[in-house]
Structure formats: C-alpha cells, structure tokens
N, C-alpha and C. Protein backbone atom coordinates (compact mmCIF):
# COMPACT_ATOMS: atom_id res chain seq x y z
N MET A 1 91.49 -64.12 -16.60
CA MET A 1 92.02 -65.36 -16.01
C MET A 1 91.42 -65.63 -14.64
N LYS A 2 91.30 -64.53 -13.89
CA LYS A 2 90.73 -64.66 -12.52
C LYS A 2 89.31 -65.22 -12.57
N LYS A 3 88.48 -64.69 -13.52
CA LYS A 3 87.11 -65.14 -13.65
C LYS A 3 87.06 -66.64 -14.05
N ILE A 4 87.97 -67.02 -14.95
CA ILE A 4 88.01 -68.43 -15.37
C ILE A 4 88.37 -69.33 -14.18
N GLY A 5 89.32 -68.83 -13.37
CA GLY A 5 89.71 -69.59 -12.18
C GLY A 5 88.59 -69.76 -11.19
N ILE A 6 87.83 -68.68 -10.98
CA ILE A 6 86.66 -68.74 -10.11
C ILE A 6 85.63 -69.71 -10.66
N PHE A 7 85.35 -69.61 -11.93
CA PHE A 7 84.40 -70.48 -12.61
C PHE A 7 84.77 -71.97 -12.41
N LEU A 8 86.08 -72.30 -12.65
CA LEU A 8 86.52 -73.64 -12.53
C LEU A 8 86.45 -74.13 -11.07
N ALA A 9 86.71 -73.24 -10.13
CA ALA A 9 86.61 -73.61 -8.73
C ALA A 9 85.17 -73.91 -8.35
N VAL A 10 84.24 -73.10 -8.84
CA VAL A 10 82.80 -73.34 -8.58
C VAL A 10 82.39 -74.69 -9.20
N CYS A 11 82.81 -74.93 -10.42
CA CYS A 11 82.44 -76.21 -11.07
C CYS A 11 82.99 -77.40 -10.30
N ALA A 12 84.27 -77.27 -9.85
CA ALA A 12 84.86 -78.34 -9.07
C ALA A 12 84.13 -78.60 -7.77
N ASN A 13 83.67 -77.51 -7.14
CA ASN A 13 82.95 -77.63 -5.90
C ASN A 13 81.61 -78.33 -6.12
N VAL A 14 80.91 -77.94 -7.19
CA VAL A 14 79.60 -78.60 -7.52
C VAL A 14 79.81 -80.07 -7.80
N PHE A 15 80.90 -80.38 -8.55
CA PHE A 15 81.19 -81.78 -8.86
C PHE A 15 81.46 -82.58 -7.58
N ASN A 16 82.23 -81.98 -6.66
CA ASN A 16 82.55 -82.65 -5.43
C ASN A 16 81.30 -82.89 -4.57
N ILE A 17 80.42 -81.92 -4.54
CA ILE A 17 79.16 -82.08 -3.76
C ILE A 17 78.36 -83.24 -4.40
N TYR A 18 78.29 -83.22 -5.74
CA TYR A 18 77.54 -84.26 -6.47
C TYR A 18 78.12 -85.63 -6.17
N ALA A 19 79.50 -85.69 -6.25
CA ALA A 19 80.19 -86.94 -6.06
C ALA A 19 79.99 -87.45 -4.65
N GLN A 20 79.92 -86.52 -3.70
CA GLN A 20 79.77 -86.91 -2.29
C GLN A 20 78.39 -87.48 -2.01
N ASN A 21 77.43 -87.28 -2.92
CA ASN A 21 76.09 -87.81 -2.76
C ASN A 21 75.94 -89.16 -3.46
N LYS A 22 77.05 -89.83 -3.69
CA LYS A 22 77.05 -91.15 -4.30
C LYS A 22 77.93 -92.08 -3.52
N ILE A 23 77.55 -93.34 -3.44
CA ILE A 23 78.36 -94.40 -2.90
C ILE A 23 78.38 -95.52 -3.90
N LYS A 24 79.58 -95.87 -4.39
CA LYS A 24 79.72 -96.89 -5.40
C LYS A 24 78.82 -96.67 -6.60
N GLY A 25 78.65 -95.40 -6.99
CA GLY A 25 77.91 -95.08 -8.20
C GLY A 25 76.40 -94.92 -7.98
N HIS A 26 75.93 -95.08 -6.78
CA HIS A 26 74.49 -95.01 -6.50
C HIS A 26 74.21 -93.83 -5.58
N GLU A 27 73.24 -93.01 -6.01
CA GLU A 27 72.91 -91.77 -5.27
C GLU A 27 72.15 -92.05 -3.98
N TYR A 28 72.35 -91.17 -3.03
CA TYR A 28 71.62 -91.24 -1.78
C TYR A 28 71.10 -89.86 -1.34
N VAL A 29 70.18 -89.87 -0.42
CA VAL A 29 69.65 -88.63 0.17
C VAL A 29 69.83 -88.74 1.67
N ASP A 30 70.33 -87.68 2.27
CA ASP A 30 70.37 -87.59 3.73
C ASP A 30 69.05 -86.97 4.20
N LEU A 31 68.24 -87.76 4.87
CA LEU A 31 66.93 -87.30 5.32
C LEU A 31 66.97 -86.75 6.76
N GLY A 32 68.17 -86.72 7.32
CA GLY A 32 68.24 -86.33 8.74
C GLY A 32 68.00 -87.45 9.69
N LEU A 33 68.16 -88.71 9.22
CA LEU A 33 67.92 -89.86 10.04
C LEU A 33 69.25 -90.53 10.37
N SER A 34 69.24 -91.71 10.95
CA SER A 34 70.46 -92.38 11.38
C SER A 34 71.24 -92.99 10.18
N VAL A 35 70.61 -93.19 9.04
CA VAL A 35 71.24 -93.71 7.85
C VAL A 35 70.83 -92.87 6.63
N LYS A 36 71.60 -92.98 5.57
CA LYS A 36 71.26 -92.36 4.30
C LYS A 36 70.45 -93.34 3.50
N TRP A 37 69.48 -92.83 2.77
CA TRP A 37 68.61 -93.68 1.97
C TRP A 37 68.92 -93.50 0.46
N ALA A 38 68.99 -94.59 -0.24
CA ALA A 38 69.23 -94.56 -1.69
C ALA A 38 68.04 -93.87 -2.39
N THR A 39 68.29 -93.27 -3.54
CA THR A 39 67.26 -92.62 -4.31
C THR A 39 66.49 -93.59 -5.19
N CYS A 40 67.03 -94.82 -5.39
CA CYS A 40 66.39 -95.77 -6.27
C CYS A 40 66.37 -97.18 -5.62
N ASN A 41 65.41 -97.97 -6.08
CA ASN A 41 65.36 -99.37 -5.65
C ASN A 41 66.47 -100.16 -6.35
N VAL A 42 66.82 -101.29 -5.77
CA VAL A 42 67.79 -102.18 -6.42
C VAL A 42 67.20 -102.62 -7.75
N GLY A 43 67.98 -102.42 -8.81
CA GLY A 43 67.49 -102.81 -10.16
C GLY A 43 66.88 -101.66 -10.94
N ALA A 44 66.65 -100.53 -10.30
CA ALA A 44 66.07 -99.36 -10.95
C ALA A 44 67.14 -98.31 -11.25
N THR A 45 66.90 -97.50 -12.28
CA THR A 45 67.84 -96.43 -12.63
C THR A 45 67.24 -95.05 -12.36
N GLN A 46 65.99 -94.99 -11.99
CA GLN A 46 65.31 -93.72 -11.66
C GLN A 46 64.48 -93.91 -10.40
N PRO A 47 64.25 -92.83 -9.66
CA PRO A 47 63.50 -92.98 -8.41
C PRO A 47 62.11 -93.57 -8.56
N HIS A 48 61.48 -93.32 -9.69
CA HIS A 48 60.14 -93.85 -9.86
C HIS A 48 60.11 -95.28 -10.45
N GLY A 49 61.30 -95.80 -10.80
CA GLY A 49 61.38 -97.15 -11.34
C GLY A 49 61.11 -98.21 -10.25
N TYR A 50 60.41 -99.25 -10.62
CA TYR A 50 60.11 -100.32 -9.66
C TYR A 50 61.38 -101.06 -9.27
N GLY A 51 62.27 -101.28 -10.23
CA GLY A 51 63.43 -102.12 -9.93
C GLY A 51 63.08 -103.60 -9.99
N ASN A 52 63.91 -104.42 -9.34
CA ASN A 52 63.70 -105.87 -9.36
C ASN A 52 62.99 -106.33 -8.12
N TYR A 53 62.54 -107.56 -8.16
CA TYR A 53 61.86 -108.21 -7.06
C TYR A 53 62.67 -109.37 -6.53
N TYR A 54 62.77 -109.43 -5.21
CA TYR A 54 63.62 -110.48 -4.61
C TYR A 54 62.85 -111.14 -3.48
N ALA A 55 63.02 -112.46 -3.39
CA ALA A 55 62.58 -113.16 -2.20
C ALA A 55 63.50 -112.79 -1.07
N TRP A 56 63.02 -112.78 0.17
CA TRP A 56 63.85 -112.35 1.29
C TRP A 56 65.06 -113.27 1.45
N GLY A 57 66.23 -112.63 1.59
CA GLY A 57 67.44 -113.44 1.75
C GLY A 57 68.04 -113.96 0.49
N GLU A 58 67.53 -113.48 -0.67
CA GLU A 58 68.08 -113.91 -1.97
C GLU A 58 68.64 -112.72 -2.71
N THR A 59 69.64 -112.97 -3.52
CA THR A 59 70.38 -111.86 -4.19
C THR A 59 70.23 -111.82 -5.69
N SER A 60 69.34 -112.66 -6.23
CA SER A 60 69.07 -112.60 -7.66
C SER A 60 67.54 -112.77 -7.88
N THR A 61 67.11 -112.35 -9.05
CA THR A 61 65.70 -112.48 -9.39
C THR A 61 65.40 -113.89 -9.92
N LYS A 62 64.12 -114.15 -10.04
CA LYS A 62 63.70 -115.45 -10.66
C LYS A 62 62.34 -115.26 -11.28
N SER A 63 61.96 -116.23 -12.08
CA SER A 63 60.68 -116.09 -12.84
C SER A 63 59.48 -116.46 -11.98
N GLU A 64 59.70 -117.28 -10.97
CA GLU A 64 58.58 -117.72 -10.11
C GLU A 64 59.02 -117.68 -8.64
N TYR A 65 58.11 -117.21 -7.79
CA TYR A 65 58.38 -117.03 -6.39
C TYR A 65 57.50 -118.00 -5.58
N THR A 66 58.13 -119.07 -5.09
CA THR A 66 57.33 -120.10 -4.35
C THR A 66 58.03 -120.51 -3.07
N LYS A 67 57.31 -121.17 -2.21
CA LYS A 67 57.90 -121.74 -0.99
C LYS A 67 58.99 -122.73 -1.31
N ASP A 68 58.77 -123.52 -2.37
CA ASP A 68 59.70 -124.59 -2.70
C ASP A 68 61.05 -124.09 -3.20
N ASN A 69 61.04 -122.93 -3.88
CA ASN A 69 62.35 -122.43 -4.40
C ASN A 69 62.97 -121.31 -3.59
N SER A 70 62.42 -121.10 -2.40
CA SER A 70 62.95 -120.10 -1.48
C SER A 70 64.16 -120.65 -0.75
N ARG A 71 65.22 -119.85 -0.63
CA ARG A 71 66.44 -120.24 0.11
C ARG A 71 66.27 -120.13 1.60
N THR A 72 65.29 -119.33 2.07
CA THR A 72 65.21 -119.02 3.51
C THR A 72 63.92 -119.40 4.18
N PHE A 73 62.92 -119.83 3.41
CA PHE A 73 61.61 -120.17 4.02
C PHE A 73 61.78 -121.33 5.00
N ARG A 74 61.31 -121.13 6.23
CA ARG A 74 61.42 -122.09 7.32
C ARG A 74 62.83 -122.30 7.83
N LYS A 75 63.75 -121.42 7.51
CA LYS A 75 65.12 -121.57 7.96
C LYS A 75 65.38 -120.65 9.14
N ASN A 76 66.01 -121.17 10.19
CA ASN A 76 66.41 -120.35 11.33
C ASN A 76 67.57 -119.45 10.94
N MET A 77 67.38 -118.15 11.08
CA MET A 77 68.39 -117.17 10.66
C MET A 77 68.43 -116.01 11.60
N SER A 78 69.43 -115.15 11.42
CA SER A 78 69.49 -113.88 12.14
C SER A 78 69.40 -112.76 11.13
N ASP A 79 69.43 -111.52 11.62
CA ASP A 79 69.34 -110.35 10.74
C ASP A 79 70.42 -110.46 9.64
N ILE A 80 70.07 -110.16 8.40
CA ILE A 80 70.99 -110.35 7.27
C ILE A 80 71.60 -109.07 6.75
N SER A 81 71.35 -107.93 7.40
CA SER A 81 71.86 -106.66 6.90
C SER A 81 73.38 -106.65 6.78
N GLY A 82 73.89 -106.43 5.58
CA GLY A 82 75.32 -106.36 5.35
C GLY A 82 75.95 -107.69 5.02
N ASN A 83 75.20 -108.81 5.10
CA ASN A 83 75.73 -110.12 4.76
C ASN A 83 75.53 -110.38 3.26
N SER A 84 76.61 -110.33 2.52
CA SER A 84 76.50 -110.43 1.07
C SER A 84 75.98 -111.74 0.53
N ASN A 85 75.89 -112.76 1.40
CA ASN A 85 75.31 -114.02 0.97
C ASN A 85 73.77 -113.94 0.91
N TYR A 86 73.22 -113.00 1.68
CA TYR A 86 71.75 -112.90 1.75
C TYR A 86 71.23 -111.48 1.52
N ASP A 87 72.04 -110.47 1.72
CA ASP A 87 71.61 -109.06 1.59
C ASP A 87 71.77 -108.62 0.13
N VAL A 88 70.65 -108.45 -0.55
CA VAL A 88 70.70 -108.15 -1.99
C VAL A 88 71.35 -106.80 -2.28
N ALA A 89 71.19 -105.85 -1.37
CA ALA A 89 71.80 -104.53 -1.59
C ALA A 89 73.32 -104.62 -1.55
N ARG A 90 73.84 -105.32 -0.52
CA ARG A 90 75.30 -105.50 -0.39
C ARG A 90 75.85 -106.32 -1.55
N ALA A 91 75.12 -107.39 -1.89
CA ALA A 91 75.58 -108.25 -2.96
C ALA A 91 75.62 -107.59 -4.35
N ASN A 92 74.62 -106.74 -4.62
CA ASN A 92 74.50 -106.16 -5.97
C ASN A 92 75.15 -104.74 -6.08
N TRP A 93 75.12 -103.98 -5.00
CA TRP A 93 75.66 -102.65 -5.06
C TRP A 93 77.04 -102.49 -4.42
N GLY A 94 77.34 -103.38 -3.49
CA GLY A 94 78.67 -103.36 -2.83
C GLY A 94 78.81 -102.18 -1.90
N GLY A 95 80.11 -101.90 -1.58
CA GLY A 95 80.44 -100.81 -0.68
C GLY A 95 79.74 -100.96 0.66
N SER A 96 79.22 -99.88 1.17
CA SER A 96 78.53 -99.87 2.48
C SER A 96 77.00 -100.01 2.34
N TRP A 97 76.53 -100.23 1.09
CA TRP A 97 75.10 -100.39 0.89
C TRP A 97 74.60 -101.67 1.52
N ARG A 98 73.40 -101.59 2.10
CA ARG A 98 72.80 -102.77 2.73
C ARG A 98 71.31 -102.57 2.83
N MET A 99 70.61 -103.66 3.19
CA MET A 99 69.17 -103.58 3.42
C MET A 99 68.93 -102.90 4.78
N PRO A 100 67.83 -102.10 4.87
CA PRO A 100 67.55 -101.47 6.14
C PRO A 100 67.04 -102.46 7.18
N THR A 101 67.35 -102.19 8.45
CA THR A 101 66.87 -103.03 9.54
C THR A 101 65.46 -102.59 9.93
N LYS A 102 64.83 -103.37 10.80
CA LYS A 102 63.50 -103.02 11.34
C LYS A 102 63.54 -101.63 11.95
N ARG A 103 64.57 -101.35 12.77
CA ARG A 103 64.66 -100.08 13.46
C ARG A 103 64.75 -98.93 12.47
N GLU A 104 65.50 -99.12 11.40
CA GLU A 104 65.67 -98.08 10.39
C GLU A 104 64.38 -97.87 9.56
N MET A 105 63.68 -98.95 9.32
CA MET A 105 62.33 -98.85 8.68
C MET A 105 61.38 -98.08 9.54
N GLU A 106 61.36 -98.41 10.83
CA GLU A 106 60.44 -97.75 11.76
C GLU A 106 60.82 -96.27 11.90
N GLU A 107 62.09 -95.96 11.85
CA GLU A 107 62.55 -94.57 11.88
C GLU A 107 62.03 -93.80 10.68
N LEU A 108 62.14 -94.42 9.52
CA LEU A 108 61.63 -93.80 8.28
C LEU A 108 60.11 -93.58 8.40
N GLU A 109 59.41 -94.56 8.92
CA GLU A 109 57.96 -94.49 9.04
C GLU A 109 57.51 -93.43 10.05
N ASN A 110 58.20 -93.38 11.20
CA ASN A 110 57.73 -92.53 12.30
C ASN A 110 58.27 -91.11 12.33
N LYS A 111 59.46 -90.90 11.76
CA LYS A 111 60.06 -89.58 11.87
C LYS A 111 59.96 -88.74 10.59
N CYS A 112 59.31 -89.30 9.57
CA CYS A 112 59.17 -88.57 8.31
C CYS A 112 57.73 -88.26 8.03
N THR A 113 57.54 -87.32 7.10
CA THR A 113 56.21 -86.96 6.61
C THR A 113 55.96 -87.73 5.33
N TRP A 114 54.82 -88.39 5.27
CA TRP A 114 54.47 -89.23 4.10
C TRP A 114 53.30 -88.63 3.34
N LYS A 115 53.47 -88.55 2.02
CA LYS A 115 52.42 -88.03 1.14
C LYS A 115 52.26 -88.95 -0.06
N TYR A 116 51.06 -89.53 -0.24
CA TYR A 116 50.79 -90.39 -1.38
C TYR A 116 50.60 -89.51 -2.58
N THR A 117 51.38 -89.76 -3.64
CA THR A 117 51.39 -88.84 -4.79
C THR A 117 51.80 -89.63 -6.03
N THR A 118 52.14 -88.93 -7.11
CA THR A 118 52.68 -89.54 -8.30
C THR A 118 53.96 -88.79 -8.71
N GLN A 119 54.88 -89.58 -9.26
CA GLN A 119 56.10 -89.02 -9.83
C GLN A 119 56.34 -89.68 -11.19
N SER A 120 56.44 -88.84 -12.23
CA SER A 120 56.59 -89.33 -13.60
C SER A 120 55.50 -90.36 -13.94
N GLY A 121 54.29 -90.10 -13.46
CA GLY A 121 53.14 -90.95 -13.74
C GLY A 121 53.06 -92.20 -12.92
N VAL A 122 53.95 -92.39 -11.93
CA VAL A 122 53.97 -93.57 -11.09
C VAL A 122 53.49 -93.18 -9.69
N LYS A 123 52.53 -93.98 -9.16
CA LYS A 123 52.00 -93.74 -7.84
C LYS A 123 53.02 -94.23 -6.76
N GLY A 124 53.01 -93.56 -5.64
CA GLY A 124 53.87 -93.94 -4.51
C GLY A 124 53.86 -92.87 -3.44
N TYR A 125 54.82 -92.95 -2.55
CA TYR A 125 54.88 -91.99 -1.49
C TYR A 125 56.15 -91.10 -1.61
N ARG A 126 55.95 -89.81 -1.39
CA ARG A 126 57.02 -88.86 -1.18
C ARG A 126 57.27 -88.78 0.33
N VAL A 127 58.45 -89.24 0.71
CA VAL A 127 58.80 -89.37 2.16
C VAL A 127 59.81 -88.25 2.47
N THR A 128 59.40 -87.32 3.32
CA THR A 128 60.21 -86.18 3.63
C THR A 128 60.76 -86.27 5.07
N GLY A 129 62.08 -86.16 5.16
CA GLY A 129 62.75 -86.30 6.46
C GLY A 129 62.66 -85.04 7.31
N PRO A 130 63.16 -85.13 8.55
CA PRO A 130 63.13 -83.99 9.46
C PRO A 130 63.89 -82.76 8.93
N ASN A 131 64.86 -82.98 8.05
CA ASN A 131 65.66 -81.86 7.51
C ASN A 131 65.09 -81.30 6.22
N GLY A 132 63.94 -81.80 5.74
CA GLY A 132 63.32 -81.26 4.56
C GLY A 132 63.67 -81.98 3.27
N ASN A 133 64.67 -82.85 3.29
CA ASN A 133 65.01 -83.66 2.11
C ASN A 133 64.04 -84.84 1.97
N SER A 134 63.91 -85.34 0.73
CA SER A 134 62.90 -86.39 0.52
C SER A 134 63.36 -87.44 -0.49
N ILE A 135 62.70 -88.60 -0.41
CA ILE A 135 62.84 -89.67 -1.38
C ILE A 135 61.47 -90.06 -1.88
N PHE A 136 61.44 -90.73 -3.04
CA PHE A 136 60.17 -91.25 -3.56
C PHE A 136 60.21 -92.76 -3.58
N LEU A 137 59.17 -93.36 -2.98
CA LEU A 137 59.03 -94.82 -2.97
C LEU A 137 57.86 -95.21 -3.86
N PRO A 138 58.17 -95.84 -5.04
CA PRO A 138 57.07 -96.21 -5.93
C PRO A 138 56.24 -97.40 -5.40
N ALA A 139 54.96 -97.38 -5.73
CA ALA A 139 54.07 -98.45 -5.34
C ALA A 139 54.25 -99.61 -6.32
N ALA A 140 55.22 -100.44 -6.07
CA ALA A 140 55.66 -101.46 -7.01
C ALA A 140 54.97 -102.80 -6.87
N GLY A 141 54.10 -102.94 -5.81
CA GLY A 141 53.42 -104.21 -5.61
C GLY A 141 54.37 -105.29 -5.17
N TYR A 142 53.99 -106.58 -5.40
CA TYR A 142 54.87 -107.69 -5.06
C TYR A 142 54.58 -108.87 -6.00
N ARG A 143 55.48 -109.88 -5.93
CA ARG A 143 55.35 -111.07 -6.74
C ARG A 143 55.07 -112.28 -5.87
N ASP A 144 54.13 -113.08 -6.31
CA ASP A 144 53.81 -114.36 -5.65
C ASP A 144 53.58 -115.39 -6.74
N MET A 145 54.38 -116.43 -6.71
CA MET A 145 54.42 -117.42 -7.81
C MET A 145 54.69 -116.73 -9.13
N LEU A 146 53.78 -116.81 -10.09
CA LEU A 146 54.01 -116.18 -11.39
C LEU A 146 53.32 -114.83 -11.53
N THR A 147 52.63 -114.42 -10.48
CA THR A 147 51.73 -113.27 -10.62
C THR A 147 52.30 -112.00 -9.92
N HIS A 148 52.07 -110.85 -10.55
CA HIS A 148 52.47 -109.57 -10.01
C HIS A 148 51.21 -108.92 -9.43
N TYR A 149 51.21 -108.65 -8.11
CA TYR A 149 50.04 -108.11 -7.45
C TYR A 149 50.23 -106.65 -7.02
N LEU A 150 49.16 -105.88 -7.13
CA LEU A 150 49.02 -104.51 -6.55
C LEU A 150 50.06 -103.50 -7.03
N ASP A 151 50.70 -103.76 -8.17
CA ASP A 151 51.64 -102.76 -8.70
C ASP A 151 50.83 -101.54 -9.17
N GLY A 152 51.41 -100.35 -8.82
CA GLY A 152 50.72 -99.13 -9.11
C GLY A 152 49.70 -98.73 -8.05
N ILE A 153 49.61 -99.55 -7.02
CA ILE A 153 48.63 -99.31 -5.94
C ILE A 153 49.32 -99.27 -4.57
N ASP A 154 49.96 -100.42 -4.23
CA ASP A 154 50.59 -100.58 -2.93
C ASP A 154 52.07 -100.77 -3.10
N GLY A 155 52.83 -100.54 -1.97
CA GLY A 155 54.27 -100.77 -1.99
C GLY A 155 54.70 -101.72 -0.89
N PHE A 156 55.69 -102.59 -1.18
CA PHE A 156 56.18 -103.58 -0.23
C PHE A 156 57.72 -103.61 -0.36
N TYR A 157 58.37 -103.27 0.74
CA TYR A 157 59.85 -103.18 0.74
C TYR A 157 60.45 -104.01 1.88
N TRP A 158 61.36 -104.95 1.49
CA TRP A 158 61.96 -105.78 2.51
C TRP A 158 62.86 -104.99 3.44
N SER A 159 62.84 -105.40 4.71
CA SER A 159 63.89 -105.05 5.64
C SER A 159 64.81 -106.24 5.75
N SER A 160 65.90 -106.08 6.53
CA SER A 160 66.81 -107.19 6.74
C SER A 160 66.44 -108.04 7.93
N SER A 161 65.37 -107.65 8.62
CA SER A 161 65.06 -108.25 9.94
C SER A 161 64.00 -109.36 9.81
N LEU A 162 64.13 -110.28 10.72
CA LEU A 162 63.21 -111.45 10.74
C LEU A 162 61.85 -111.05 11.44
N ASP A 163 60.87 -111.78 11.06
CA ASP A 163 59.62 -111.76 11.82
C ASP A 163 59.93 -112.34 13.21
N GLU A 164 59.41 -111.76 14.25
CA GLU A 164 59.79 -112.23 15.59
C GLU A 164 59.23 -113.60 15.95
N ILE A 165 58.23 -114.05 15.22
CA ILE A 165 57.61 -115.34 15.54
C ILE A 165 57.76 -116.28 14.34
N GLY A 166 58.39 -117.40 14.55
CA GLY A 166 58.43 -118.43 13.51
C GLY A 166 59.51 -118.22 12.48
N THR A 167 59.52 -119.06 11.48
CA THR A 167 60.55 -119.06 10.41
C THR A 167 59.96 -118.85 9.04
N LEU A 168 58.72 -118.41 8.98
CA LEU A 168 58.02 -118.24 7.69
C LEU A 168 58.21 -116.84 7.08
N GLY A 169 58.35 -115.83 7.96
CA GLY A 169 58.27 -114.48 7.48
C GLY A 169 59.50 -113.63 7.80
N ALA A 170 59.48 -112.44 7.23
CA ALA A 170 60.46 -111.37 7.54
C ALA A 170 59.71 -110.07 7.54
N LEU A 171 60.34 -109.07 8.10
CA LEU A 171 59.65 -107.78 8.25
C LEU A 171 59.81 -106.93 6.99
N ARG A 172 58.82 -106.13 6.75
CA ARG A 172 58.79 -105.28 5.51
C ARG A 172 58.10 -103.98 5.82
N LEU A 173 58.39 -103.00 5.00
CA LEU A 173 57.61 -101.75 5.02
C LEU A 173 56.52 -101.91 4.00
N ARG A 174 55.27 -101.70 4.40
CA ARG A 174 54.13 -101.80 3.50
C ARG A 174 53.37 -100.50 3.51
N PHE A 175 52.95 -100.09 2.31
CA PHE A 175 52.08 -98.86 2.26
C PHE A 175 51.01 -99.04 1.20
N TYR A 176 49.93 -98.32 1.47
CA TYR A 176 48.86 -98.10 0.47
C TYR A 176 48.44 -96.66 0.59
N SER A 177 47.46 -96.26 -0.15
CA SER A 177 47.16 -94.82 -0.28
C SER A 177 46.81 -94.14 1.03
N SER A 178 46.27 -94.88 1.98
CA SER A 178 45.79 -94.25 3.24
C SER A 178 46.62 -94.58 4.46
N ASN A 179 47.66 -95.41 4.32
CA ASN A 179 48.41 -95.80 5.48
C ASN A 179 49.75 -96.38 5.10
N HIS A 180 50.68 -96.43 6.08
CA HIS A 180 51.98 -97.09 5.92
C HIS A 180 52.39 -97.70 7.26
N LEU A 181 53.02 -98.88 7.25
CA LEU A 181 53.35 -99.54 8.44
C LEU A 181 54.48 -100.55 8.21
N VAL A 182 55.09 -101.03 9.30
CA VAL A 182 56.03 -102.12 9.23
C VAL A 182 55.30 -103.38 9.73
N ASP A 183 55.21 -104.34 8.85
CA ASP A 183 54.58 -105.61 9.25
C ASP A 183 55.43 -106.78 8.67
N TRP A 184 54.84 -107.96 8.55
CA TRP A 184 55.62 -109.07 8.06
C TRP A 184 54.98 -109.66 6.82
N GLY A 185 55.80 -110.33 6.04
CA GLY A 185 55.33 -111.05 4.84
C GLY A 185 56.08 -112.35 4.68
N TYR A 186 55.48 -113.29 3.94
CA TYR A 186 56.17 -114.57 3.69
C TYR A 186 57.51 -114.32 2.98
N ARG A 187 58.54 -115.01 3.41
CA ARG A 187 59.86 -114.81 2.84
C ARG A 187 59.98 -115.11 1.37
N TYR A 188 59.13 -115.97 0.87
CA TYR A 188 59.25 -116.38 -0.55
C TYR A 188 58.62 -115.35 -1.51
N PHE A 189 57.86 -114.36 -0.98
CA PHE A 189 57.30 -113.34 -1.84
C PHE A 189 58.44 -112.54 -2.46
N GLY A 190 58.22 -112.06 -3.68
CA GLY A 190 59.15 -111.18 -4.33
C GLY A 190 58.82 -109.73 -4.07
N LEU A 191 59.68 -109.05 -3.32
CA LEU A 191 59.43 -107.63 -2.96
C LEU A 191 60.60 -106.75 -3.45
N THR A 192 60.39 -105.48 -3.49
CA THR A 192 61.41 -104.52 -3.85
C THR A 192 62.31 -104.22 -2.62
N VAL A 193 63.47 -103.62 -2.91
CA VAL A 193 64.41 -103.27 -1.84
C VAL A 193 64.96 -101.89 -2.07
N ARG A 194 64.92 -101.04 -1.02
CA ARG A 194 65.52 -99.70 -1.08
C ARG A 194 66.70 -99.71 -0.10
N PRO A 195 67.91 -99.64 -0.59
CA PRO A 195 69.10 -99.74 0.29
C PRO A 195 69.32 -98.54 1.14
N VAL A 196 70.14 -98.72 2.18
CA VAL A 196 70.62 -97.66 3.03
C VAL A 196 72.12 -97.80 3.24
N SER A 197 72.71 -96.74 3.78
CA SER A 197 74.15 -96.75 4.11
C SER A 197 74.38 -95.79 5.26
N GLU A 198 75.42 -96.04 6.06
CA GLU A 198 75.82 -95.12 7.08
C GLU A 198 76.32 -93.82 6.49
C-alpha cells in the first residue's frame, strides 16, 4: 500500500507540474525572460505548425489580405497588447494570453541563442533562453493579397506595437536563415502570432 501511495503521489506531482505549464489549455515555456512564451502559434496544435495568418489588429483569418479590407491600415492607434478587440491572442486564447510587445520581442531577440534548424521537417529557429529552455519558431512566411510568400524559408511574427512613424505599419519579428531582427511591416499583411503571458 505504501508503494502505491508513493506512486500515486509522484503521478499527481507530475500532473501538477504539467498542468502548471498551461494557461487556458495552451502550453508555455519559461525561457528565463520577463514573460512566458507559448509553444505554438495561434491556430497551430504543434510547435512546428504554421498556424493561422492575421492582419495586424485583426482577430480572424480571411482569404485575401489587402489595404482595402484591413481594419487598422492608416488608423491612429496605440499598442494593442491585451485588447481583445484587436489582440488576436487574447481574443482567441483568452486568459492572460496576449501578443508580445516590441520590448518583449527585442528581449527574445537579444537575450536568447538562435539556431536555424528543422523540426519535424519544418524549417525555423530554435530559440534558447538564458535558463536553457527553448521554443521553436517555424518559418511560416506571410500572406499578401491571395499569395503566400516565403513559407518554409523566412518567419514573420506580429508584435502588438506600432511602427513609430506613420499609420501604415506595425512592428514584427522577422527572421531568415542568416539573421533575425525586429522591423516593421504593412499592417494589412497576414502574419503569424506567437502569444506570451506573464
């Protein structure tokens, strides 16, 4: 009986640890940064899955990504992180999930080790935090009008932050095989989103 009790206690502890690594049913990894990073993109069920593509400030997908059907192109706005009207992570995943800010994107870029690799046959980056834990960001490309560009080659991930100049763009994390950076892209482009949480 004592052995059974110990076994059940160990199982319960493993379950609790596993459960603690989820928020509203979505897994996260603590990279040793200021926020926890989700293991999957919005719309994906596995780390190497591309997930869905969203225009900046929009919470649903569409068949065509244009300036004319964008909700936010040329609109004066502030940072949308945590605003369920515009933040696709908060709107779709709920809880404390949200889009990463510029500062959090830059923290991921500057404080982690990046290695271009493949996972389950999908190209992307293995991003390892200061504590040794890691996430995989697939090179999912982006959508413009009806066309899917650079999938399997480059990655483009929206932040919640605006481009500092004008009303056309928003900031994103961009990577290709030899580099990664935070720059801006037109808000109407369809990009992937990797959520974060406190």
